Each structure stands twice: as C-alpha cells, then as structure tokens.
N, C-alpha and C. Protein backbone atom coordinates (compact mmCIF):
# COMPACT_ATOMS: atom_id res chain seq x y z
N UNK A 1 -6.90 -14.17 -72.63
CA UNK A 1 -6.89 -14.49 -72.01
C UNK A 1 -5.48 -14.71 -71.29
N UNK A 2 -5.20 -14.09 -69.51
CA UNK A 2 -4.20 -13.89 -69.84
C UNK A 2 -3.36 -15.01 -69.25
N UNK A 3 -1.62 -16.01 -69.02
CA UNK A 3 -1.89 -17.06 -68.96
C UNK A 3 -0.13 -17.15 -68.29
N UNK A 4 0.40 -17.41 -67.29
CA UNK A 4 1.94 -17.40 -66.76
C UNK A 4 2.39 -18.93 -66.43
N UNK A 5 3.35 -19.01 -67.61
CA UNK A 5 3.69 -20.50 -67.17
C UNK A 5 4.62 -20.61 -66.39
N UNK A 6 4.87 -21.01 -65.19
CA UNK A 6 6.43 -21.54 -65.07
C UNK A 6 6.43 -22.47 -64.82
N UNK A 7 8.63 -22.70 -64.69
CA UNK A 7 8.86 -24.17 -65.03
C UNK A 7 10.32 -24.12 -64.80
N UNK A 8 11.40 -25.38 -64.23
CA UNK A 8 12.20 -25.48 -64.42
C UNK A 8 12.61 -25.58 -62.57
N UNK A 9 11.63 -25.92 -62.04
CA UNK A 9 12.14 -25.93 -59.97
C UNK A 9 12.41 -26.94 -59.90
N UNK A 10 12.68 -27.50 -58.85
CA UNK A 10 12.99 -29.06 -58.52
C UNK A 10 13.99 -29.16 -57.22
N UNK A 11 14.78 -30.21 -57.29
CA UNK A 11 15.26 -30.94 -56.25
C UNK A 11 17.19 -29.73 -56.65
N UNK A 12 17.94 -29.77 -55.40
CA UNK A 12 19.03 -29.21 -56.29
C UNK A 12 19.45 -29.63 -54.69
N UNK A 13 21.15 -29.80 -55.39
CA UNK A 13 22.11 -29.91 -53.79
C UNK A 13 22.59 -28.66 -53.73
N UNK A 14 22.52 -28.28 -53.02
CA UNK A 14 23.16 -26.78 -52.23
C UNK A 14 24.43 -26.69 -52.43
N UNK A 15 25.10 -25.05 -53.67
CA UNK A 15 25.81 -24.90 -54.10
C UNK A 15 25.67 -25.07 -55.95
N UNK A 16 24.80 -26.36 -56.07
CA UNK A 16 23.83 -26.06 -57.13
C UNK A 16 23.61 -25.19 -57.97
N UNK A 17 22.98 -24.87 -58.97
CA UNK A 17 22.10 -24.02 -60.03
C UNK A 17 20.63 -25.02 -60.62
N UNK A 18 19.09 -23.67 -60.82
CA UNK A 18 18.93 -24.16 -61.12
C UNK A 18 18.26 -22.65 -62.63
N UNK A 19 17.20 -22.88 -63.89
CA UNK A 19 17.35 -22.00 -64.05
C UNK A 19 15.26 -22.28 -64.07
N UNK A 20 15.02 -21.22 -63.64
CA UNK A 20 12.99 -20.87 -64.23
C UNK A 20 12.89 -20.20 -65.04
N UNK A 21 11.99 -20.44 -65.66
CA UNK A 21 11.53 -19.92 -66.78
C UNK A 21 9.65 -19.28 -66.01
N UNK A 22 9.72 -18.63 -67.06
CA UNK A 22 7.76 -17.86 -67.29
C UNK A 22 7.88 -17.46 -68.16
N UNK A 23 7.13 -18.42 -68.68
CA UNK A 23 6.35 -18.02 -70.77
C UNK A 23 4.77 -17.54 -70.55
N UNK A 24 4.29 -16.28 -70.11
CA UNK A 24 3.22 -15.21 -70.81
C UNK A 24 3.05 -15.53 -71.78
N UNK A 25 1.74 -15.12 -71.79
CA UNK A 25 0.59 -15.17 -72.78
C UNK A 25 -1.18 -14.18 -72.90
N UNK A 26 -1.10 -13.77 -73.89
CA UNK A 26 -2.54 -12.70 -73.39
C UNK A 26 -2.16 -11.21 -73.07
N UNK A 27 -0.90 -10.59 -73.40
CA UNK A 27 -0.68 -9.59 -72.98
C UNK A 27 0.09 -9.10 -74.21
N UNK A 28 0.96 -8.49 -73.78
CA UNK A 28 2.11 -7.82 -75.00
C UNK A 28 3.39 -7.63 -73.72
N UNK A 29 3.48 -8.40 -73.63
CA UNK A 29 4.48 -9.10 -72.82
C UNK A 29 6.14 -7.99 -73.33
N UNK A 30 6.65 -7.54 -74.04
CA UNK A 30 7.49 -6.59 -74.71
C UNK A 30 7.56 -5.78 -74.27
N UNK A 31 6.50 -4.64 -73.84
CA UNK A 31 6.24 -3.90 -73.09
C UNK A 31 5.79 -4.00 -71.39
N UNK A 32 5.88 -4.82 -70.92
CA UNK A 32 5.83 -4.83 -69.60
C UNK A 32 6.98 -5.46 -68.19
N UNK A 33 7.43 -5.11 -67.64
CA UNK A 33 8.04 -4.89 -66.25
C UNK A 33 7.34 -6.16 -65.33
N UNK A 34 8.25 -7.08 -65.02
CA UNK A 34 8.08 -8.66 -64.90
C UNK A 34 8.60 -8.46 -63.67
N UNK A 35 8.20 -9.53 -62.70
CA UNK A 35 8.51 -9.86 -61.53
C UNK A 35 8.75 -11.45 -61.14
N UNK A 36 10.14 -11.88 -60.61
CA UNK A 36 9.93 -12.78 -59.83
C UNK A 36 9.42 -13.08 -58.32
N UNK A 37 8.82 -13.78 -57.42
CA UNK A 37 8.39 -13.32 -56.10
C UNK A 37 9.00 -15.16 -55.37
N UNK A 38 9.03 -15.23 -54.21
CA UNK A 38 9.00 -16.77 -53.58
C UNK A 38 7.88 -16.37 -52.18
N UNK A 39 8.13 -17.81 -51.97
CA UNK A 39 7.13 -17.81 -50.99
C UNK A 39 7.69 -19.44 -50.38
N UNK A 40 8.33 -19.22 -48.82
CA UNK A 40 8.45 -19.92 -47.89
C UNK A 40 7.06 -20.59 -47.26
N UNK A 41 7.81 -21.71 -47.21
CA UNK A 41 6.35 -22.63 -45.57
C UNK A 41 6.84 -20.95 -44.47
N UNK A 42 4.96 -20.76 -44.05
CA UNK A 42 4.90 -20.00 -43.10
C UNK A 42 6.11 -18.53 -42.85
N UNK A 43 6.09 -18.16 -44.46
CA UNK A 43 6.36 -17.38 -44.95
C UNK A 43 6.27 -16.55 -45.37
N UNK A 44 6.53 -14.73 -45.43
CA UNK A 44 5.88 -14.02 -46.69
C UNK A 44 5.86 -13.92 -47.61
N UNK A 45 4.89 -13.66 -49.09
CA UNK A 45 5.52 -14.08 -49.75
C UNK A 45 6.70 -12.98 -50.23
N UNK A 46 7.85 -13.09 -51.24
CA UNK A 46 8.54 -11.41 -50.86
C UNK A 46 9.29 -11.67 -52.11
N UNK A 47 9.83 -10.73 -52.36
CA UNK A 47 9.84 -10.04 -54.48
C UNK A 47 11.58 -10.58 -54.23
N UNK A 48 11.46 -11.43 -55.38
CA UNK A 48 13.26 -12.27 -55.47
C UNK A 48 13.59 -11.01 -56.57
N UNK A 49 13.00 -10.78 -57.60
CA UNK A 49 13.86 -9.49 -58.20
C UNK A 49 12.80 -9.13 -59.85
N UNK A 50 13.17 -8.54 -60.22
CA UNK A 50 12.45 -7.42 -61.13
C UNK A 50 13.16 -7.23 -62.64
N UNK A 51 12.14 -6.70 -63.38
CA UNK A 51 13.10 -6.43 -64.85
C UNK A 51 11.75 -6.19 -65.46
N UNK A 52 12.58 -4.57 -65.86
CA UNK A 52 11.56 -3.71 -66.70
C UNK A 52 11.25 -4.24 -68.42
N UNK A 53 10.32 -3.39 -69.34
CA UNK A 53 10.48 -4.21 -70.82
C UNK A 53 11.32 -4.76 -71.66
N UNK A 54 12.91 -3.66 -71.45
CA UNK A 54 14.14 -3.46 -72.24
C UNK A 54 14.65 -4.18 -71.33
N UNK A 55 14.42 -5.12 -70.42
CA UNK A 55 16.10 -5.27 -69.28
C UNK A 55 16.39 -4.74 -69.07
N UNK A 56 16.38 -3.24 -68.87
CA UNK A 56 17.67 -2.41 -68.10
C UNK A 56 18.11 -3.43 -67.41
N UNK A 57 18.54 -1.92 -66.07
CA UNK A 57 18.97 -2.75 -64.89
C UNK A 57 18.25 -3.49 -63.75
N UNK A 58 18.05 -4.05 -63.74
CA UNK A 58 16.99 -5.12 -62.89
C UNK A 58 17.47 -4.81 -61.81
N UNK A 59 16.36 -5.42 -60.98
CA UNK A 59 16.72 -5.12 -59.50
C UNK A 59 16.19 -6.81 -58.01
N UNK A 60 17.11 -6.84 -57.29
CA UNK A 60 16.73 -7.92 -56.37
C UNK A 60 16.92 -7.13 -55.49
N UNK A 61 16.47 -8.95 -55.14
CA UNK A 61 16.34 -8.76 -53.04
C UNK A 61 18.50 -9.07 -52.71
N UNK A 62 17.86 -8.08 -51.71
CA UNK A 62 19.58 -8.70 -50.82
C UNK A 62 19.79 -9.96 -50.73
N UNK A 63 18.53 -10.94 -50.59
CA UNK A 63 18.79 -11.86 -50.33
C UNK A 63 19.78 -12.89 -51.12
N UNK A 64 19.33 -13.03 -52.12
CA UNK A 64 19.71 -13.16 -53.70
C UNK A 64 21.27 -12.31 -54.91
N UNK A 65 21.06 -11.36 -54.44
CA UNK A 65 22.30 -10.87 -55.06
C UNK A 65 23.38 -11.30 -55.54
N UNK A 66 24.04 -11.12 -56.36
CA UNK A 66 25.68 -11.34 -56.65
C UNK A 66 25.03 -13.45 -57.24
N UNK A 67 23.93 -13.92 -56.57
CA UNK A 67 23.41 -15.11 -57.12
C UNK A 67 22.62 -14.84 -57.48
N UNK A 68 21.71 -14.79 -58.47
CA UNK A 68 20.17 -14.93 -59.48
C UNK A 68 21.14 -13.95 -60.19
N UNK A 69 20.07 -14.07 -61.47
CA UNK A 69 20.17 -13.42 -62.28
C UNK A 69 18.69 -13.43 -63.39
N UNK A 70 18.00 -12.32 -63.85
CA UNK A 70 16.76 -12.17 -63.65
C UNK A 70 17.36 -11.65 -65.98
N UNK A 71 16.40 -12.30 -66.85
CA UNK A 71 17.24 -11.84 -67.62
C UNK A 71 15.16 -12.00 -68.07
N UNK A 72 15.39 -11.76 -70.07
CA UNK A 72 13.83 -12.28 -71.01
C UNK A 72 13.97 -11.64 -71.94
N UNK A 73 13.09 -12.88 -72.71
CA UNK A 73 12.85 -13.16 -74.04
C UNK A 73 12.02 -12.94 -74.71
N UNK A 74 12.22 -11.07 -74.83
CA UNK A 74 10.89 -10.49 -75.34
C UNK A 74 10.28 -11.35 -77.02
N UNK A 75 11.56 -12.20 -77.40
CA UNK A 75 10.74 -12.92 -78.79
C UNK A 75 9.75 -13.77 -78.56
N UNK A 76 10.16 -14.74 -76.38
CA UNK A 76 9.82 -15.83 -76.99
C UNK A 76 8.35 -15.15 -75.88
N UNK A 77 8.81 -14.78 -75.35
CA UNK A 77 6.82 -14.17 -74.19
C UNK A 77 8.25 -14.15 -72.64
N UNK A 78 9.30 -14.92 -72.01
CA UNK A 78 9.65 -16.01 -71.18
C UNK A 78 10.72 -14.90 -71.00
N UNK A 79 10.59 -14.84 -69.54
CA UNK A 79 11.44 -14.63 -68.59
C UNK A 79 11.87 -15.35 -67.64
N UNK A 80 13.45 -15.11 -67.30
CA UNK A 80 14.11 -15.63 -66.87
C UNK A 80 14.29 -16.12 -65.47
N UNK A 81 14.62 -16.84 -64.42
CA UNK A 81 15.45 -16.34 -63.40
C UNK A 81 16.87 -17.43 -63.41
N UNK A 82 17.65 -17.45 -63.42
CA UNK A 82 19.16 -17.68 -63.13
C UNK A 82 19.18 -18.10 -61.93
N UNK A 83 19.63 -19.18 -61.25
CA UNK A 83 20.04 -19.10 -59.91
C UNK A 83 21.21 -20.51 -59.44
N UNK A 84 22.24 -19.24 -59.01
CA UNK A 84 23.56 -20.06 -58.83
C UNK A 84 23.58 -19.93 -56.87
N UNK A 85 24.85 -20.42 -56.84
CA UNK A 85 25.08 -20.74 -55.90
C UNK A 85 23.93 -21.26 -54.51
N UNK A 86 22.93 -22.19 -54.83
CA UNK A 86 21.82 -22.25 -53.65
C UNK A 86 22.39 -22.32 -52.82
N UNK A 87 20.86 -22.32 -51.80
CA UNK A 87 21.42 -22.25 -50.26
C UNK A 87 20.06 -23.28 -49.82
N UNK A 88 20.11 -23.32 -48.40
CA UNK A 88 18.81 -23.90 -48.19
C UNK A 88 17.52 -22.95 -48.06
N UNK A 89 18.40 -21.86 -47.89
CA UNK A 89 16.48 -21.05 -47.32
C UNK A 89 16.76 -20.65 -48.83
N UNK A 90 16.98 -20.83 -49.82
CA UNK A 90 16.11 -20.31 -51.32
C UNK A 90 14.98 -21.87 -51.79
N UNK A 91 14.96 -22.60 -50.45
CA UNK A 91 13.98 -23.18 -50.71
C UNK A 91 12.05 -23.13 -50.87
N UNK A 92 11.46 -22.57 -51.46
CA UNK A 92 10.67 -21.66 -51.71
C UNK A 92 9.33 -22.34 -52.95
N UNK A 93 8.01 -21.86 -53.13
CA UNK A 93 7.67 -21.74 -54.39
C UNK A 93 7.62 -20.18 -54.90
N UNK A 94 8.64 -20.52 -56.27
CA UNK A 94 8.79 -19.30 -56.97
C UNK A 94 7.83 -18.81 -57.56
N UNK A 95 6.80 -17.68 -57.79
CA UNK A 95 6.06 -17.55 -58.50
C UNK A 95 6.38 -16.13 -59.86
N UNK A 96 5.75 -16.57 -60.52
CA UNK A 96 6.07 -15.46 -62.28
C UNK A 96 5.03 -14.39 -61.80
N UNK A 97 5.61 -13.45 -61.54
CA UNK A 97 4.11 -12.05 -61.57
C UNK A 97 4.48 -11.70 -62.51
N UNK A 98 2.91 -10.98 -63.46
CA UNK A 98 3.27 -9.36 -64.05
C UNK A 98 2.77 -8.01 -63.03
N UNK A 99 2.98 -7.26 -62.56
CA UNK A 99 2.63 -6.71 -61.96
C UNK A 99 1.39 -5.53 -62.48
N UNK A 100 1.69 -4.68 -63.43
CA UNK A 100 1.24 -4.23 -64.01
C UNK A 100 -1.11 -4.56 -63.45
N UNK A 101 -0.72 -5.60 -64.34
CA UNK A 101 -2.37 -6.57 -64.59
C UNK A 101 -2.56 -7.51 -63.13
N UNK A 102 -1.30 -7.26 -62.60
CA UNK A 102 -1.43 -7.65 -60.89
C UNK A 102 -1.64 -9.68 -61.54
N UNK A 103 -1.07 -10.40 -61.94
CA UNK A 103 -1.56 -11.52 -62.55
C UNK A 103 -0.25 -12.44 -61.54
N UNK A 104 -0.72 -13.61 -61.57
CA UNK A 104 0.19 -15.13 -61.23
C UNK A 104 -0.06 -16.31 -61.91
N UNK A 105 1.16 -16.36 -62.07
CA UNK A 105 1.57 -17.70 -62.45
C UNK A 105 0.93 -18.66 -60.61
N UNK A 106 1.55 -20.36 -61.65
CA UNK A 106 1.02 -21.12 -60.82
C UNK A 106 2.37 -21.61 -60.11
N UNK A 107 3.23 -20.68 -60.19
CA UNK A 107 4.04 -21.46 -59.50
C UNK A 107 4.97 -22.68 -59.84
N UNK A 108 6.56 -22.94 -59.48
CA UNK A 108 6.93 -23.82 -59.30
C UNK A 108 7.81 -23.40 -58.87
N UNK A 109 8.35 -25.34 -57.76
CA UNK A 109 9.37 -25.17 -56.49
C UNK A 109 10.49 -25.58 -56.67
N UNK A 110 11.24 -25.14 -56.03
CA UNK A 110 12.17 -25.15 -55.28
C UNK A 110 12.44 -26.49 -54.52
N UNK A 111 13.61 -26.93 -54.10
CA UNK A 111 14.18 -27.35 -52.90
C UNK A 111 15.32 -27.53 -53.21
N UNK A 112 16.13 -26.85 -51.81
CA UNK A 112 17.69 -27.34 -52.16
C UNK A 112 17.97 -28.16 -50.68
N UNK A 113 18.30 -28.94 -51.34
CA UNK A 113 18.83 -30.09 -49.78
C UNK A 113 20.07 -31.39 -50.36
N UNK A 114 20.42 -31.47 -49.32
CA UNK A 114 22.02 -32.72 -49.42
C UNK A 114 21.05 -34.02 -49.30
C-alpha cells in the first residue's frame, strides 16, 4: 500500500525557515522522481520543486528559486523541502507527490505570518 506522509509544517514569521519531510512507503522510492506542490486558499495547486531519483539537478518554481531546496535521503525513503526566507505568500498547504504513481500525501500546512 502506497503511503506518503508529510510533516514539518507550522506557523513561522516572515524571514523564517521550515523543513518539510515526506516519508514514502509501498514503492521503490530510490528509483522514483518526487515532487512538492502547494495550494493556497482560492488558488490552483502549484508545483514547487521536483527531484529525480538520484538527486540530480532539481527544478523549482520561479517563486521559490534561491529560497527553497529539495533533497532526498533514499536510505530513509524521505524527500525534504527546506524553506528559507519565508514570505506570507508562501502560506499554503504543501503536498508531497509521487508523479509516476499519481499518489499524494495528505499535506502539511505552512502559515507565514507575523
């Protein structure tokens, strides 16, 4: 049974940092690309970052380039999203995604506010 379990969200002040984690099970994580998406209230779901199976050059949305870093630990079946210099507009529900299997986690909420 495929599961993606996110954690690490919360409330942070502008300029602060958070690290999201997504632990996967039920498939061979190490050979799969992974993605992070986010969805703010009233907006469409947005692709934030993606990483291939060997952690090669990741891709980022323009809105987060230079501030967010996606990484993975294949030994732990976990993909991370390090978020620095957070802005109020980063407030959203963040989702982990396994694109080839079209599977999603339940998401974790990030709220950036002073």
